[in-house]
Amino acid sequence: MKKIIFAAGLVAMAGIVIAQQAGFTRTALQTQDLSTPGRVAVQARAEFDPGVAAGRHTHPGEELGYLLEGQIELLIDGQPPKLVKAGETFFVPAGLVHDGKNTGSGKAKVLATYFVEKGKPVATPVK
């Protein structure tokens, strides 16, 4: 029960208020104030079932990602699709509309760190 309360507190502090797609989860692991005023680092773990996408969204800051397991296709508006496999990294600049889709046969797992504006949602859906 303590883990659930702690995780709920992290999510609230991080501002992760995004409706998640079925088969996709983003779980906040930690949130830390940065030395830059008004900015926080949020570390999260995302998991995608096969064939599932996170949904088009933006972040109010940069995203650094590392694929722990599986593979995803990273789609950033204005850029060619990028296939990211386990052991590889990716970067999403602040404010760019993007999506990630599991194109493998098993679960895809990502460790992501966001450097975002404090008090804003970590991710905002885009239609």
C-alpha atoms as a PDB file:
ATOM      1  CA  MET A   1       0.000   0.000   0.000  1.00  0.00           C
ATOM      2  CA  LYS A   2       2.873   2.394   0.788  1.00  0.00           C
ATOM      3  CA  LYS A   3       4.257   1.862  -2.736  1.00  0.00           C
ATOM      4  CA  ILE A   4       0.904   2.801  -4.273  1.00  0.00           C
ATOM      5  CA  ILE A   5       0.625   5.968  -2.182  1.00  0.00           C
ATOM      6  CA  PHE A   6       4.251   6.904  -2.922  1.00  0.00           C
ATOM      7  CA  ALA A   7       3.771   6.324  -6.657  1.00  0.00           C
ATOM      8  CA  ALA A   8       0.554   8.328  -6.643  1.00  0.00           C
ATOM      9  CA  GLY A   9       2.418  11.176  -4.944  1.00  0.00           C
ATOM     10  CA  LEU A  10       5.169  11.069  -7.559  1.00  0.00           C
ATOM     11  CA  VAL A  11       2.640  11.172 -10.359  1.00  0.00           C
ATOM     12  CA  ALA A  12       0.877  14.152  -8.780  1.00  0.00           C
ATOM     13  CA  MET A  13       4.172  15.994  -8.219  1.00  0.00           C
ATOM     14  CA  ALA A  14       5.361  15.302 -11.746  1.00  0.00           C
ATOM     15  CA  GLY A  15       2.119  16.474 -13.273  1.00  0.00           C
ATOM     16  CA  ILE A  16       1.682  13.303 -15.288  1.00  0.00           C
ATOM     17  CA  VAL A  17      -1.917  13.853 -16.250  1.00  0.00           C
ATOM     18  CA  ILE A  18      -2.269  12.052 -19.545  1.00  0.00           C
ATOM     19  CA  ALA A  19      -4.967   9.644 -20.532  1.00  0.00           C
ATOM     20  CA  GLN A  20      -3.024   6.531 -21.398  1.00  0.00           C
ATOM     21  CA  GLN A  21      -3.873   4.284 -24.325  1.00  0.00           C
ATOM     22  CA  ALA A  22      -4.933   0.703 -23.591  1.00  0.00           C
ATOM     23  CA  GLY A  23      -1.767  -1.408 -23.681  1.00  0.00           C
ATOM     24  CA  PHE A  24       0.511   1.552 -22.856  1.00  0.00           C
ATOM     25  CA  THR A  25       1.599   2.667 -19.388  1.00  0.00           C
ATOM     26  CA  ARG A  26       3.908   5.449 -18.199  1.00  0.00           C
ATOM     27  CA  THR A  27       4.934   5.167 -14.545  1.00  0.00           C
ATOM     28  CA  ALA A  28       6.828   7.955 -12.768  1.00  0.00           C
ATOM     29  CA  LEU A  29       9.843   6.606 -10.889  1.00  0.00           C
ATOM     30  CA  GLN A  30      11.203   9.864  -9.452  1.00  0.00           C
ATOM     31  CA  THR A  31      10.874  13.632  -9.736  1.00  0.00           C
ATOM     32  CA  GLN A  32      13.714  15.974  -8.756  1.00  0.00           C
ATOM     33  CA  ASP A  33      14.049  19.757  -8.803  1.00  0.00           C
ATOM     34  CA  LEU A  34      16.896  20.903 -11.046  1.00  0.00           C
ATOM     35  CA  SER A  35      19.436  23.664 -10.468  1.00  0.00           C
ATOM     36  CA  THR A  36      17.677  25.612 -13.239  1.00  0.00           C
ATOM     37  CA  PRO A  37      14.802  27.497 -11.579  1.00  0.00           C
ATOM     38  CA  GLY A  38      11.352  26.300 -12.603  1.00  0.00           C
ATOM     39  CA  ARG A  39      12.583  23.018 -14.104  1.00  0.00           C
ATOM     40  CA  VAL A  40      12.325  19.420 -12.879  1.00  0.00           C
ATOM     41  CA  ALA A  41      13.646  16.076 -14.044  1.00  0.00           C
ATOM     42  CA  VAL A  42      11.108  13.273 -14.183  1.00  0.00           C
ATOM     43  CA  GLN A  43      12.280   9.728 -14.692  1.00  0.00           C
ATOM     44  CA  ALA A  44       9.637   7.283 -15.904  1.00  0.00           C
ATOM     45  CA  ARG A  45       9.247   3.782 -17.239  1.00  0.00           C
ATOM     46  CA  ALA A  46       6.946   3.213 -20.210  1.00  0.00           C
ATOM     47  CA  GLU A  47       5.669  -0.135 -21.414  1.00  0.00           C
ATOM     48  CA  PHE A  48       3.991  -0.860 -24.766  1.00  0.00           C
ATOM     49  CA  ASP A  49       2.171  -4.055 -25.666  1.00  0.00           C
ATOM     50  CA  PRO A  50       2.880  -5.344 -29.202  1.00  0.00           C
ATOM     51  CA  GLY A  51       1.309  -3.120 -31.871  1.00  0.00           C
ATOM     52  CA  VAL A  52       0.379  -0.407 -29.347  1.00  0.00           C
ATOM     53  CA  ALA A  53       1.307   3.273 -29.682  1.00  0.00           C
ATOM     54  CA  ALA A  54       1.611   5.838 -26.899  1.00  0.00           C
ATOM     55  CA  GLY A  55      -0.540   8.273 -28.854  1.00  0.00           C
ATOM     56  CA  ARG A  56       0.576  11.582 -30.397  1.00  0.00           C
ATOM     57  CA  HIS A  57       1.720  13.974 -27.684  1.00  0.00           C
ATOM     58  CA  THR A  58       4.188  16.698 -26.670  1.00  0.00           C
ATOM     59  CA  HIS A  59       6.345  17.431 -23.618  1.00  0.00           C
ATOM     60  CA  PRO A  60       7.064  20.854 -22.062  1.00  0.00           C
ATOM     61  CA  GLY A  61      10.775  20.040 -22.210  1.00  0.00           C
ATOM     62  CA  GLU A  62      13.232  17.515 -23.575  1.00  0.00           C
ATOM     63  CA  GLU A  63      12.945  13.733 -23.425  1.00  0.00           C
ATOM     64  CA  LEU A  64      15.949  11.394 -23.251  1.00  0.00           C
ATOM     65  CA  GLY A  65      15.000   7.767 -23.788  1.00  0.00           C
ATOM     66  CA  TYR A  66      16.673   4.368 -23.517  1.00  0.00           C
ATOM     67  CA  LEU A  67      14.992   1.232 -24.823  1.00  0.00           C
ATOM     68  CA  LEU A  68      15.327  -1.470 -22.191  1.00  0.00           C
ATOM     69  CA  GLU A  69      13.531  -4.199 -24.116  1.00  0.00           C
ATOM     70  CA  GLY A  70      11.869  -4.728 -27.507  1.00  0.00           C
ATOM     71  CA  GLN A  71      11.686  -2.165 -30.281  1.00  0.00           C
ATOM     72  CA  ILE A  72       9.653   0.933 -31.080  1.00  0.00           C
ATOM     73  CA  GLU A  73       9.158   3.128 -34.092  1.00  0.00           C
ATOM     74  CA  LEU A  74       9.673   6.750 -33.046  1.00  0.00           C
ATOM     75  CA  LEU A  75       7.619   9.177 -35.122  1.00  0.00           C
ATOM     76  CA  ILE A  76       8.527  12.857 -34.698  1.00  0.00           C
ATOM     77  CA  ASP A  77       6.591  15.324 -36.883  1.00  0.00           C
ATOM     78  CA  GLY A  78       8.807  16.614 -39.704  1.00  0.00           C
ATOM     79  CA  GLN A  79      11.374  13.819 -39.331  1.00  0.00           C
ATOM     80  CA  PRO A  80      11.634  10.369 -40.926  1.00  0.00           C
ATOM     81  CA  PRO A  81      10.501   7.450 -38.711  1.00  0.00           C
ATOM     82  CA  LYS A  82      13.275   5.997 -36.558  1.00  0.00           C
ATOM     83  CA  LEU A  83      13.429   2.368 -35.440  1.00  0.00           C
ATOM     84  CA  VAL A  84      14.817   2.141 -31.896  1.00  0.00           C
ATOM     85  CA  LYS A  85      15.878  -1.269 -30.584  1.00  0.00           C
ATOM     86  CA  ALA A  86      16.797  -2.558 -27.114  1.00  0.00           C
ATOM     87  CA  GLY A  87      20.041  -0.967 -25.943  1.00  0.00           C
ATOM     88  CA  GLU A  88      19.606   2.139 -28.110  1.00  0.00           C
ATOM     89  CA  THR A  89      18.798   5.709 -27.105  1.00  0.00           C
ATOM     90  CA  PHE A  90      16.650   8.480 -28.536  1.00  0.00           C
ATOM     91  CA  PHE A  91      16.028  12.195 -27.997  1.00  0.00           C
ATOM     92  CA  VAL A  92      12.856  14.248 -28.461  1.00  0.00           C
ATOM     93  CA  PRO A  93      13.248  18.058 -28.431  1.00  0.00           C
ATOM     94  CA  ALA A  94      10.840  20.144 -26.362  1.00  0.00           C
ATOM     95  CA  GLY A  95       7.393  20.771 -27.780  1.00  0.00           C
ATOM     96  CA  LEU A  96       7.636  18.527 -30.856  1.00  0.00           C
ATOM     97  CA  VAL A  97       4.624  16.354 -31.606  1.00  0.00           C
ATOM     98  CA  HIS A  98       5.671  12.712 -31.586  1.00  0.00           C
ATOM     99  CA  ASP A  99       4.550   9.144 -30.981  1.00  0.00           C
ATOM    100  CA  GLY A 100       6.143   5.811 -30.274  1.00  0.00           C
ATOM    101  CA  LYS A 101       4.744   2.469 -31.418  1.00  0.00           C
ATOM    102  CA  ASN A 102       5.831  -1.019 -30.475  1.00  0.00           C
ATOM    103  CA  THR A 103       6.632  -2.693 -33.792  1.00  0.00           C
ATOM    104  CA  GLY A 104       8.043  -5.853 -32.225  1.00  0.00           C
ATOM    105  CA  SER A 105       6.410  -9.129 -31.224  1.00  0.00           C
ATOM    106  CA  GLY A 106       6.928  -8.728 -27.458  1.00  0.00           C
ATOM    107  CA  LYS A 107       6.507  -5.980 -24.895  1.00  0.00           C
ATOM    108  CA  ALA A 108       8.636  -2.842 -25.394  1.00  0.00           C
ATOM    109  CA  LYS A 109      10.029  -1.133 -22.288  1.00  0.00           C
ATOM    110  CA  VAL A 110      11.514   2.357 -22.208  1.00  0.00           C
ATOM    111  CA  LEU A 111      13.313   4.292 -19.488  1.00  0.00           C
ATOM    112  CA  ALA A 112      12.719   7.996 -20.143  1.00  0.00           C
ATOM    113  CA  THR A 113      13.968  11.124 -18.424  1.00  0.00           C
ATOM    114  CA  TYR A 114      12.119  14.371 -19.012  1.00  0.00           C
ATOM    115  CA  PHE A 115      13.576  17.819 -18.260  1.00  0.00           C
ATOM    116  CA  VAL A 116      10.390  19.839 -18.074  1.00  0.00           C
ATOM    117  CA  GLU A 117       8.767  22.965 -16.721  1.00  0.00           C
ATOM    118  CA  LYS A 118       7.718  22.513 -13.098  1.00  0.00           C
ATOM    119  CA  GLY A 119       3.973  22.244 -12.557  1.00  0.00           C
ATOM    120  CA  LYS A 120       3.142  21.342 -16.169  1.00  0.00           C
ATOM    121  CA  PRO A 121       1.994  17.896 -17.280  1.00  0.00           C
ATOM    122  CA  VAL A 122       4.874  15.723 -18.450  1.00  0.00           C
ATOM    123  CA  ALA A 123       2.893  14.810 -21.565  1.00  0.00           C
ATOM    124  CA  THR A 124      -0.028  16.458 -23.349  1.00  0.00           C
ATOM    125  CA  PRO A 125      -2.061  14.517 -25.936  1.00  0.00           C
ATOM    126  CA  VAL A 126      -2.309  15.956 -29.471  1.00  0.00           C
ATOM    127  CA  LYS A 127      -4.956  14.965 -32.013  1.00  0.00           C
END
